[in-house]
Amino acid sequence: MTTTITRAMLSEAAARRTGLSKADTAAIGEAMFAMMGEALMAGENVKLTAFGSLQVRSRAERLGRNPRTGTEHRISPRQTVVFTPSAQLREALDQSRPAVSAGQVRQPA
């Protein structure tokens, strides 16, 4: 089962760790997300050291298929945001999960 972390949960955890109020940490978080969104909309990359980077990429027009009906349709070109984890985050993720050998299936936790 996957757990989702929300902005409210992040604000609450930040408040506990820093001793600031939840309102203050929520305001700081909202300001950070707004600034990151503005930077991405301006075509800038957002780099979060030791976490990863966000960048806008252009997706070309392509032919898509409805998996239920099989009908084809054109998907218009668009801009999308791509997250690339940092080497430190990738390494931490690799260390947090047991290695799986080829042919083995990991049992759900």
N, C-alpha and C. Protein backbone atom coordinates (compact mmCIF):
# COMPACT_ATOMS: atom_id res chain seq x y z
N MET A 1 0.84 -1.18 0.00
CA MET A 1 0.00 0.00 0.00
C MET A 1 0.88 1.24 0.00
N THR A 2 0.56 2.20 -0.84
CA THR A 2 1.34 3.43 -0.96
C THR A 2 0.74 4.51 -0.07
N THR A 3 1.60 5.23 0.61
CA THR A 3 1.17 6.35 1.44
C THR A 3 1.45 7.64 0.69
N THR A 4 0.52 8.56 0.76
CA THR A 4 0.69 9.86 0.12
C THR A 4 0.98 10.90 1.20
N ILE A 5 2.00 11.70 0.97
CA ILE A 5 2.35 12.78 1.87
C ILE A 5 1.73 14.06 1.31
N THR A 6 0.96 14.76 2.11
CA THR A 6 0.28 15.98 1.67
C THR A 6 1.04 17.22 2.15
N ARG A 7 0.66 18.38 1.62
CA ARG A 7 1.27 19.63 2.07
C ARG A 7 1.03 19.83 3.56
N ALA A 8 -0.18 19.51 4.01
CA ALA A 8 -0.50 19.66 5.43
C ALA A 8 0.40 18.79 6.29
N MET A 9 0.66 17.58 5.84
CA MET A 9 1.54 16.67 6.59
C MET A 9 2.96 17.22 6.62
N LEU A 10 3.42 17.76 5.49
CA LEU A 10 4.75 18.35 5.44
C LEU A 10 4.85 19.55 6.38
N SER A 11 3.82 20.40 6.39
CA SER A 11 3.82 21.57 7.27
C SER A 11 3.85 21.15 8.73
N GLU A 12 3.07 20.15 9.07
CA GLU A 12 3.03 19.67 10.45
C GLU A 12 4.37 19.10 10.88
N ALA A 13 5.00 18.30 10.01
CA ALA A 13 6.31 17.72 10.33
C ALA A 13 7.36 18.82 10.45
N ALA A 14 7.32 19.82 9.56
CA ALA A 14 8.28 20.92 9.63
C ALA A 14 8.08 21.72 10.92
N ALA A 15 6.84 21.90 11.33
CA ALA A 15 6.57 22.63 12.57
C ALA A 15 7.14 21.88 13.77
N ARG A 16 6.96 20.57 13.79
CA ARG A 16 7.51 19.77 14.90
C ARG A 16 9.03 19.84 14.93
N ARG A 17 9.67 19.76 13.77
CA ARG A 17 11.14 19.75 13.71
C ARG A 17 11.77 21.10 14.00
N THR A 18 11.09 22.17 13.61
CA THR A 18 11.69 23.49 13.75
C THR A 18 11.21 24.27 14.96
N GLY A 19 10.06 23.89 15.52
CA GLY A 19 9.50 24.65 16.63
C GLY A 19 8.69 25.85 16.17
N LEU A 20 8.57 26.05 14.87
CA LEU A 20 7.73 27.13 14.34
C LEU A 20 6.27 26.68 14.36
N SER A 21 5.37 27.62 14.19
CA SER A 21 3.96 27.25 14.16
C SER A 21 3.62 26.58 12.83
N LYS A 22 2.52 25.80 12.84
CA LYS A 22 2.09 25.16 11.60
C LYS A 22 1.73 26.20 10.55
N ALA A 23 1.16 27.33 10.99
CA ALA A 23 0.80 28.40 10.06
C ALA A 23 2.04 28.96 9.38
N ASP A 24 3.10 29.16 10.16
CA ASP A 24 4.34 29.69 9.59
C ASP A 24 4.97 28.71 8.60
N THR A 25 5.04 27.43 8.98
CA THR A 25 5.66 26.46 8.07
C THR A 25 4.80 26.26 6.83
N ALA A 26 3.48 26.34 6.98
CA ALA A 26 2.59 26.23 5.81
C ALA A 26 2.81 27.41 4.88
N ALA A 27 2.96 28.61 5.44
CA ALA A 27 3.18 29.81 4.62
C ALA A 27 4.51 29.72 3.88
N ILE A 28 5.53 29.24 4.56
CA ILE A 28 6.84 29.08 3.92
C ILE A 28 6.76 28.06 2.79
N GLY A 29 6.11 26.94 3.06
CA GLY A 29 5.95 25.90 2.03
C GLY A 29 5.19 26.41 0.82
N GLU A 30 4.08 27.11 1.07
CA GLU A 30 3.29 27.67 -0.04
C GLU A 30 4.11 28.64 -0.86
N ALA A 31 4.89 29.48 -0.20
CA ALA A 31 5.73 30.44 -0.92
C ALA A 31 6.78 29.72 -1.76
N MET A 32 7.37 28.67 -1.21
CA MET A 32 8.38 27.92 -1.97
C MET A 32 7.76 27.25 -3.20
N PHE A 33 6.60 26.61 -3.02
CA PHE A 33 5.96 25.96 -4.16
C PHE A 33 5.54 26.98 -5.21
N ALA A 34 5.07 28.14 -4.78
CA ALA A 34 4.68 29.20 -5.73
C ALA A 34 5.89 29.68 -6.51
N MET A 35 7.02 29.89 -5.83
CA MET A 35 8.23 30.36 -6.52
C MET A 35 8.75 29.29 -7.48
N MET A 36 8.67 28.02 -7.10
CA MET A 36 9.11 26.96 -8.01
C MET A 36 8.20 26.91 -9.23
N GLY A 37 6.89 27.04 -9.04
CA GLY A 37 5.95 27.06 -10.16
C GLY A 37 6.20 28.22 -11.10
N GLU A 38 6.45 29.39 -10.53
CA GLU A 38 6.73 30.58 -11.35
C GLU A 38 8.01 30.39 -12.15
N ALA A 39 9.04 29.82 -11.53
CA ALA A 39 10.30 29.60 -12.23
C ALA A 39 10.09 28.62 -13.39
N LEU A 40 9.35 27.54 -13.15
CA LEU A 40 9.10 26.57 -14.21
C LEU A 40 8.30 27.18 -15.34
N MET A 41 7.29 28.00 -15.00
CA MET A 41 6.49 28.65 -16.05
C MET A 41 7.31 29.63 -16.86
N ALA A 42 8.38 30.17 -16.26
CA ALA A 42 9.27 31.09 -16.97
C ALA A 42 10.33 30.33 -17.77
N GLY A 43 10.28 29.00 -17.73
CA GLY A 43 11.22 28.19 -18.50
C GLY A 43 12.53 27.90 -17.78
N GLU A 44 12.59 28.22 -16.49
CA GLU A 44 13.81 27.99 -15.72
C GLU A 44 13.79 26.59 -15.11
N ASN A 45 14.98 26.06 -14.84
CA ASN A 45 15.09 24.80 -14.12
C ASN A 45 15.10 25.10 -12.63
N VAL A 46 14.58 24.17 -11.83
CA VAL A 46 14.59 24.29 -10.38
C VAL A 46 15.47 23.17 -9.85
N LYS A 47 16.56 23.55 -9.17
CA LYS A 47 17.49 22.57 -8.64
C LYS A 47 17.45 22.61 -7.13
N LEU A 48 17.13 21.47 -6.52
CA LEU A 48 17.08 21.34 -5.07
C LEU A 48 18.23 20.42 -4.67
N THR A 49 19.31 21.01 -4.19
CA THR A 49 20.52 20.27 -3.87
C THR A 49 20.21 19.11 -2.95
N ALA A 50 20.79 17.96 -3.23
CA ALA A 50 20.65 16.72 -2.48
C ALA A 50 19.27 16.10 -2.63
N PHE A 51 18.40 16.69 -3.45
CA PHE A 51 17.07 16.11 -3.66
C PHE A 51 16.85 15.79 -5.13
N GLY A 52 16.99 16.81 -6.00
CA GLY A 52 16.79 16.58 -7.43
C GLY A 52 16.51 17.88 -8.14
N SER A 53 16.14 17.77 -9.41
CA SER A 53 15.85 18.97 -10.19
C SER A 53 14.56 18.78 -10.97
N LEU A 54 13.91 19.90 -11.23
CA LEU A 54 12.69 19.95 -12.03
C LEU A 54 12.99 20.78 -13.26
N GLN A 55 12.54 20.30 -14.40
CA GLN A 55 12.71 21.09 -15.61
C GLN A 55 11.54 20.87 -16.54
N VAL A 56 11.28 21.89 -17.37
CA VAL A 56 10.19 21.82 -18.33
C VAL A 56 10.73 21.23 -19.62
N ARG A 57 10.01 20.27 -20.15
CA ARG A 57 10.39 19.67 -21.43
C ARG A 57 9.21 19.72 -22.37
N SER A 58 9.50 19.84 -23.65
CA SER A 58 8.46 19.86 -24.67
C SER A 58 8.20 18.44 -25.14
N ARG A 59 6.93 18.09 -25.23
CA ARG A 59 6.53 16.80 -25.77
C ARG A 59 5.96 17.05 -27.16
N ALA A 60 6.41 16.31 -28.13
CA ALA A 60 5.95 16.47 -29.51
C ALA A 60 4.55 15.87 -29.67
N GLU A 61 3.87 16.27 -30.73
CA GLU A 61 2.58 15.66 -31.04
C GLU A 61 2.82 14.19 -31.35
N ARG A 62 1.90 13.35 -30.91
CA ARG A 62 2.07 11.92 -31.17
C ARG A 62 0.71 11.25 -31.30
N LEU A 63 0.74 10.04 -31.77
CA LEU A 63 -0.47 9.26 -31.95
C LEU A 63 -0.70 8.42 -30.71
N GLY A 64 -1.87 8.54 -30.11
CA GLY A 64 -2.21 7.77 -28.93
C GLY A 64 -3.30 6.77 -29.25
N ARG A 65 -3.48 5.83 -28.34
CA ARG A 65 -4.50 4.81 -28.56
C ARG A 65 -5.28 4.61 -27.26
N ASN A 66 -6.60 4.59 -27.36
CA ASN A 66 -7.44 4.30 -26.21
C ASN A 66 -7.32 2.81 -25.92
N PRO A 67 -6.81 2.43 -24.75
CA PRO A 67 -6.59 1.01 -24.48
C PRO A 67 -7.90 0.21 -24.39
N ARG A 68 -8.98 0.87 -24.06
CA ARG A 68 -10.25 0.15 -23.93
C ARG A 68 -10.88 -0.13 -25.29
N THR A 69 -10.86 0.87 -26.18
CA THR A 69 -11.53 0.71 -27.48
C THR A 69 -10.57 0.46 -28.62
N GLY A 70 -9.31 0.82 -28.44
CA GLY A 70 -8.32 0.65 -29.51
C GLY A 70 -8.34 1.77 -30.53
N THR A 71 -9.21 2.77 -30.37
CA THR A 71 -9.26 3.85 -31.35
C THR A 71 -8.04 4.76 -31.18
N GLU A 72 -7.54 5.24 -32.30
CA GLU A 72 -6.36 6.10 -32.29
C GLU A 72 -6.80 7.56 -32.29
N HIS A 73 -5.99 8.40 -31.67
CA HIS A 73 -6.25 9.83 -31.69
C HIS A 73 -4.92 10.57 -31.52
N ARG A 74 -4.90 11.81 -31.98
CA ARG A 74 -3.68 12.61 -31.88
C ARG A 74 -3.62 13.25 -30.48
N ILE A 75 -2.44 13.20 -29.91
CA ILE A 75 -2.19 13.88 -28.64
C ILE A 75 -1.40 15.13 -28.99
N SER A 76 -1.95 16.27 -28.65
CA SER A 76 -1.34 17.55 -29.04
C SER A 76 -0.01 17.77 -28.33
N PRO A 77 0.86 18.58 -28.93
CA PRO A 77 2.14 18.88 -28.28
C PRO A 77 1.88 19.64 -26.98
N ARG A 78 2.76 19.45 -26.02
CA ARG A 78 2.57 20.11 -24.73
C ARG A 78 3.87 20.25 -24.00
N GLN A 79 3.83 21.04 -22.96
CA GLN A 79 4.97 21.19 -22.05
C GLN A 79 4.69 20.31 -20.83
N THR A 80 5.71 19.68 -20.30
CA THR A 80 5.55 18.87 -19.11
C THR A 80 6.73 19.09 -18.17
N VAL A 81 6.54 18.82 -16.91
CA VAL A 81 7.61 18.96 -15.92
C VAL A 81 8.19 17.59 -15.65
N VAL A 82 9.52 17.52 -15.66
CA VAL A 82 10.23 16.26 -15.44
C VAL A 82 11.08 16.40 -14.18
N PHE A 83 10.97 15.41 -13.29
CA PHE A 83 11.79 15.39 -12.08
C PHE A 83 12.94 14.42 -12.28
N THR A 84 14.15 14.86 -11.98
CA THR A 84 15.33 14.01 -12.03
C THR A 84 15.92 13.97 -10.63
N PRO A 85 15.91 12.80 -9.98
CA PRO A 85 16.46 12.72 -8.62
C PRO A 85 17.96 12.93 -8.62
N SER A 86 18.48 13.48 -7.52
CA SER A 86 19.92 13.68 -7.38
C SER A 86 20.59 12.34 -7.14
N ALA A 87 21.88 12.30 -7.32
CA ALA A 87 22.65 11.08 -7.07
C ALA A 87 22.51 10.67 -5.60
N GLN A 88 22.47 11.66 -4.70
CA GLN A 88 22.33 11.36 -3.27
C GLN A 88 20.98 10.72 -2.98
N LEU A 89 19.91 11.22 -3.59
CA LEU A 89 18.59 10.65 -3.38
C LEU A 89 18.51 9.24 -3.97
N ARG A 90 19.06 9.06 -5.17
CA ARG A 90 19.05 7.72 -5.77
C ARG A 90 19.79 6.73 -4.89
N GLU A 91 20.95 7.13 -4.38
CA GLU A 91 21.74 6.26 -3.52
C GLU A 91 20.98 5.93 -2.24
N ALA A 92 20.34 6.93 -1.64
CA ALA A 92 19.57 6.71 -0.42
C ALA A 92 18.40 5.77 -0.68
N LEU A 93 17.74 5.92 -1.82
CA LEU A 93 16.64 5.03 -2.16
C LEU A 93 17.13 3.60 -2.36
N ASP A 94 18.27 3.45 -3.02
CA ASP A 94 18.84 2.12 -3.23
C ASP A 94 19.19 1.45 -1.91
N GLN A 95 19.69 2.22 -0.96
CA GLN A 95 20.08 1.66 0.34
C GLN A 95 18.87 1.34 1.21
N SER A 96 17.74 2.01 0.97
CA SER A 96 16.57 1.81 1.81
C SER A 96 15.77 0.57 1.44
N ARG A 97 16.05 -0.01 0.28
CA ARG A 97 15.33 -1.21 -0.17
C ARG A 97 16.31 -2.34 -0.37
N PRO A 98 15.91 -3.56 0.01
CA PRO A 98 16.80 -4.69 -0.23
C PRO A 98 16.95 -4.96 -1.73
N ALA A 99 18.13 -5.36 -2.11
CA ALA A 99 18.40 -5.66 -3.53
C ALA A 99 17.61 -6.88 -3.95
N VAL A 100 17.15 -6.87 -5.19
CA VAL A 100 16.41 -7.99 -5.74
C VAL A 100 17.21 -8.58 -6.87
N SER A 101 17.49 -9.88 -6.79
CA SER A 101 18.23 -10.55 -7.86
C SER A 101 17.31 -10.75 -9.05
N ALA A 102 17.89 -10.89 -10.22
CA ALA A 102 17.12 -11.13 -11.44
C ALA A 102 16.30 -12.40 -11.26
N GLY A 103 15.04 -12.32 -11.65
CA GLY A 103 14.16 -13.48 -11.56
C GLY A 103 13.41 -13.59 -10.23
N GLN A 104 13.81 -12.82 -9.22
CA GLN A 104 13.11 -12.86 -7.95
C GLN A 104 12.03 -11.79 -7.95
N VAL A 105 10.95 -12.08 -7.28
CA VAL A 105 9.87 -11.11 -7.15
C VAL A 105 9.84 -10.64 -5.70
N ARG A 106 9.85 -9.33 -5.52
CA ARG A 106 9.81 -8.77 -4.18
C ARG A 106 8.38 -8.88 -3.65
N GLN A 107 8.23 -9.37 -2.44
CA GLN A 107 6.92 -9.48 -1.82
C GLN A 107 6.50 -8.12 -1.28
N PRO A 108 5.23 -7.74 -1.46
CA PRO A 108 4.78 -6.45 -0.95
C PRO A 108 4.88 -6.40 0.57
N ALA A 109 5.18 -5.22 1.07
CA ALA A 109 5.34 -5.05 2.52
C ALA A 109 4.01 -4.93 3.22
